[in-house]
Protein backbone atom coordinates (compact mmCIF):
# COMPACT_ATOMS: atom_id res chain seq x y z
CA MET A 1 74.37 123.44 90.88
CA PRO A 2 74.79 122.29 94.49
CA ALA A 3 78.20 123.10 95.99
CA ILE A 4 78.98 119.46 96.73
CA ARG A 5 78.43 118.44 93.10
CA LEU A 6 80.58 121.33 91.87
CA LYS A 7 83.34 120.32 94.28
CA TYR A 8 83.13 116.74 93.01
CA ILE A 9 83.32 117.85 89.36
CA LEU A 10 86.32 120.07 90.09
CA HIS A 11 88.03 117.18 91.88
CA ILE A 12 87.50 114.89 88.87
CA LEU A 13 88.84 117.57 86.51
CA LEU A 14 91.95 117.95 88.66
CA ILE A 15 92.52 114.21 88.58
CA LEU A 16 92.11 114.09 84.81
CA LEU A 17 94.40 117.07 84.27
CA SER A 18 97.10 115.78 86.58
CA GLY A 19 96.96 112.38 84.91
CA SER A 20 97.37 113.82 81.42
CA LEU A 21 100.20 116.12 82.49
CA THR A 22 101.93 113.25 84.24
CA ALA A 23 101.50 110.99 81.22
CA GLN A 24 103.07 113.67 78.99
CA SER A 25 106.10 114.09 81.25
CA ALA A 26 106.46 110.32 81.69
CA ALA A 27 106.50 109.88 77.91
CA THR A 28 109.56 112.11 77.67
CA GLY A 29 111.42 110.71 80.70
CA ALA A 30 113.44 107.64 81.53
CA SER A 31 112.43 104.63 83.58
CA ALA A 32 111.75 105.77 87.14
CA ASP A 33 113.23 102.70 88.80
CA ALA A 34 116.37 102.63 86.68
CA GLY A 35 119.34 102.27 88.98
CA ALA A 36 117.23 101.83 92.11
CA GLY A 37 119.51 101.57 95.10
CA ILE A 38 119.16 101.67 98.84
CA LYS A 39 121.12 104.09 101.03
CA GLY A 40 119.20 104.80 104.24
CA THR A 41 116.76 104.06 101.51
CA THR A 42 117.25 106.01 98.30
CA VAL A 43 115.85 105.38 94.85
CA ASN A 44 116.09 107.25 91.57
CA ARG A 45 113.51 110.00 91.89
CA GLY A 46 111.96 109.61 88.45
CA THR A 47 110.62 112.32 86.17
CA ASN A 48 107.41 113.45 87.86
CA SER A 49 108.87 115.35 90.77
CA THR A 50 108.71 119.03 91.46
CA ALA A 51 112.19 120.28 90.52
CA GLU A 52 113.98 120.70 93.83
CA GLU A 53 110.96 122.20 95.57
CA TRP A 54 111.21 121.50 99.28
CA PHE A 55 108.27 121.61 101.69
CA ALA A 56 108.51 121.95 105.46
CA VAL A 57 106.59 119.22 107.27
CA THR A 58 104.10 120.82 109.65
CA ARG A 59 102.26 117.85 111.16
CA VAL A 60 102.15 114.06 111.05
CA VAL A 61 98.65 112.55 111.04
CA ASP A 62 99.63 108.88 111.16
CA GLY A 63 102.26 106.53 109.75
CA ASP A 64 101.52 107.28 106.10
CA THR A 65 99.95 110.77 106.10
CA PHE A 66 101.33 114.20 106.95
CA TRP A 67 100.90 117.92 106.17
CA VAL A 68 103.40 120.27 104.52
CA ALA A 69 103.53 124.04 104.21
CA ASP A 70 102.87 124.86 100.57
CA GLY A 71 102.19 128.58 100.91
CA SER A 72 98.45 128.14 101.36
CA GLU A 73 96.69 128.94 104.61
CA LYS A 74 95.81 125.32 105.34
CA GLY A 75 98.81 123.52 103.86
CA LEU A 76 98.87 120.38 101.77
CA LYS A 77 97.88 116.95 103.09
CA ILE A 78 100.18 114.23 101.74
CA ARG A 79 99.34 110.51 101.60
CA LEU A 80 102.43 108.41 100.90
CA ILE A 81 102.00 106.23 97.79
CA GLY A 82 102.57 102.49 97.76
CA ILE A 83 102.49 101.88 101.49
CA ASP A 84 99.98 101.44 104.28
CA ALA A 85 100.70 102.02 107.95
CA PRO A 86 98.45 100.71 110.73
CA GLU A 87 95.97 103.21 112.16
CA PRO A 88 97.05 104.71 115.51
CA ARG A 89 93.42 105.17 116.62
CA ASN A 90 89.93 104.08 115.66
CA THR A 91 88.59 106.09 112.74
CA GLY A 92 85.19 106.10 111.09
CA THR A 93 86.32 103.54 108.51
CA ARG A 94 89.25 101.67 110.06
CA PRO A 95 89.93 100.24 113.52
CA LYS A 96 93.10 100.94 115.49
CA GLY A 97 95.82 98.67 114.15
CA TYR A 98 98.59 96.74 115.81
CA PHE A 99 101.76 98.89 115.78
CA GLY A 100 99.81 102.00 114.72
CA ALA A 101 101.14 104.27 117.47
CA GLU A 102 104.71 103.08 116.87
CA SER A 103 104.39 103.67 113.14
CA THR A 104 103.07 107.19 113.68
CA ASN A 105 105.84 107.98 116.18
CA TYR A 106 108.48 106.66 113.78
CA LEU A 107 107.26 108.95 110.99
CA LYS A 108 107.10 111.89 113.43
CA GLN A 109 110.75 111.31 114.36
CA LEU A 110 111.79 110.80 110.74
CA LEU A 111 110.12 114.06 109.60
CA LYS A 112 110.70 116.20 112.71
CA ASP A 113 111.99 119.65 111.70
CA LYS A 114 112.59 118.36 108.16
CA LYS A 115 111.75 119.36 104.63
CA VAL A 116 110.61 116.91 101.98
CA ARG A 117 110.67 116.84 98.21
CA LEU A 118 107.63 115.24 96.62
CA GLU A 119 107.38 113.03 93.56
CA TYR A 120 104.03 112.25 92.00
CA ASP A 121 102.94 109.19 90.04
CA VAL A 122 100.09 108.81 87.53
CA SER A 123 97.21 109.75 89.86
CA ARG A 124 97.96 112.79 91.97
CA TYR A 125 94.93 112.74 94.30
CA ASP A 126 93.00 110.05 96.15
CA ARG A 127 89.24 109.91 96.64
CA TYR A 128 89.59 111.98 99.82
CA GLY A 129 91.38 114.80 98.01
CA ARG A 130 94.76 114.06 99.60
CA THR A 131 97.86 114.58 97.48
CA LEU A 132 99.48 111.23 96.68
CA ALA A 133 103.27 111.35 96.66
CA TYR A 134 106.60 109.69 97.22
CA ALA A 135 108.70 111.77 99.62
CA TRP A 136 112.43 112.34 100.00
CA LEU A 137 114.36 114.01 102.78
CA GLU A 138 117.15 116.44 102.00
CA ASP A 139 119.76 113.73 102.81
CA GLY A 140 118.29 111.53 100.04
CA THR A 141 116.30 109.18 102.28
CA PHE A 142 113.24 107.79 100.49
CA VAL A 143 110.57 108.15 103.21
CA ASN A 144 108.04 105.65 101.79
CA ALA A 145 110.70 102.95 101.45
CA GLU A 146 112.22 103.70 104.85
CA LEU A 147 108.89 102.98 106.55
CA VAL A 148 108.55 99.62 104.77
CA LYS A 149 112.22 98.70 105.24
CA ASN A 150 111.96 99.12 109.01
CA GLY A 151 108.60 97.39 109.38
CA PHE A 152 106.49 100.46 110.13
CA ALA A 153 104.33 100.06 107.01
CA THR A 154 103.28 97.35 104.58
CA VAL A 155 103.04 97.47 100.80
CA MET A 156 99.77 98.77 99.38
CA THR A 157 99.79 99.03 95.61
CA VAL A 158 96.90 100.93 94.04
CA PRO A 159 97.21 101.12 90.25
CA PRO A 160 98.06 103.19 88.37
CA ASN A 161 100.55 104.41 91.02
CA VAL A 162 103.02 101.53 90.82
CA ARG A 163 106.38 103.17 90.06
CA HIS A 164 108.23 101.83 93.15
CA GLN A 165 106.16 98.67 93.75
CA GLU A 166 109.08 96.27 93.25
CA THR A 167 111.31 98.19 95.66
CA PHE A 168 108.61 98.23 98.33
CA THR A 169 107.86 94.52 97.89
CA GLU A 170 111.54 93.58 98.26
CA LEU A 171 111.96 95.76 101.34
CA ALA A 172 108.79 94.36 102.95
CA ALA A 173 109.92 90.77 102.41
CA LYS A 174 113.28 91.56 104.00
CA ALA A 175 111.68 93.35 106.97
CA ARG A 176 109.39 90.38 107.50
CA ARG A 177 112.28 87.87 107.36
CA GLN A 178 114.21 90.01 109.86
CA ASN A 179 111.17 90.43 112.17
CA LYS A 180 111.41 94.21 112.04
CA GLY A 181 108.78 96.58 113.36
CA LEU A 182 105.23 95.31 113.07
CA TRP A 183 106.52 91.88 111.97
CA LYS A 184 108.19 91.14 115.30
CA GLY A 185 105.22 90.75 117.59
CA ASP A 186 101.86 90.38 115.90
CA PRO A 187 101.11 86.68 115.37
CA SER A 188 98.44 87.49 112.77
CA ALA A 189 101.02 89.38 110.69
CA LYS A 190 103.24 86.33 110.12
């Protein structure tokens, strides 16, 4: 069997296994958004998080993607769930976006010399093999929400990962009304 096909099959199996494990833990837990509140930006962490496992951030790729040290040689690439930040540079699939560099720099400052705790939703991996997660800082700041709240990212809901969709939508509307971040200068964004 060609290596690429085997890799694809293993990826699908991982997705299926993570989905069934997540569904089992979700069935025994409480509502993830119960008591959602905003401190810096904090929200109830839900039931699908790794129990107090903290990961050092090693590198920020752009405004919604970063790497953490997970004990492996390469590390773990994290794509924040529920949000989309503009691209800081042209990529093979997406052009450089307005406010992309600012969004990336904001996330770099937010995560500089920090550790994060990850929470997973229904699907744990995207089609590129990145780990999909919500991230919290040790002070309780909800990273995904903080980016939206300050106008450095927009809402991007991809079912079945919808746990914090309402929170993100409310924060985005407020950021837009207050002309924060990417909402303050791009006429096409209004």
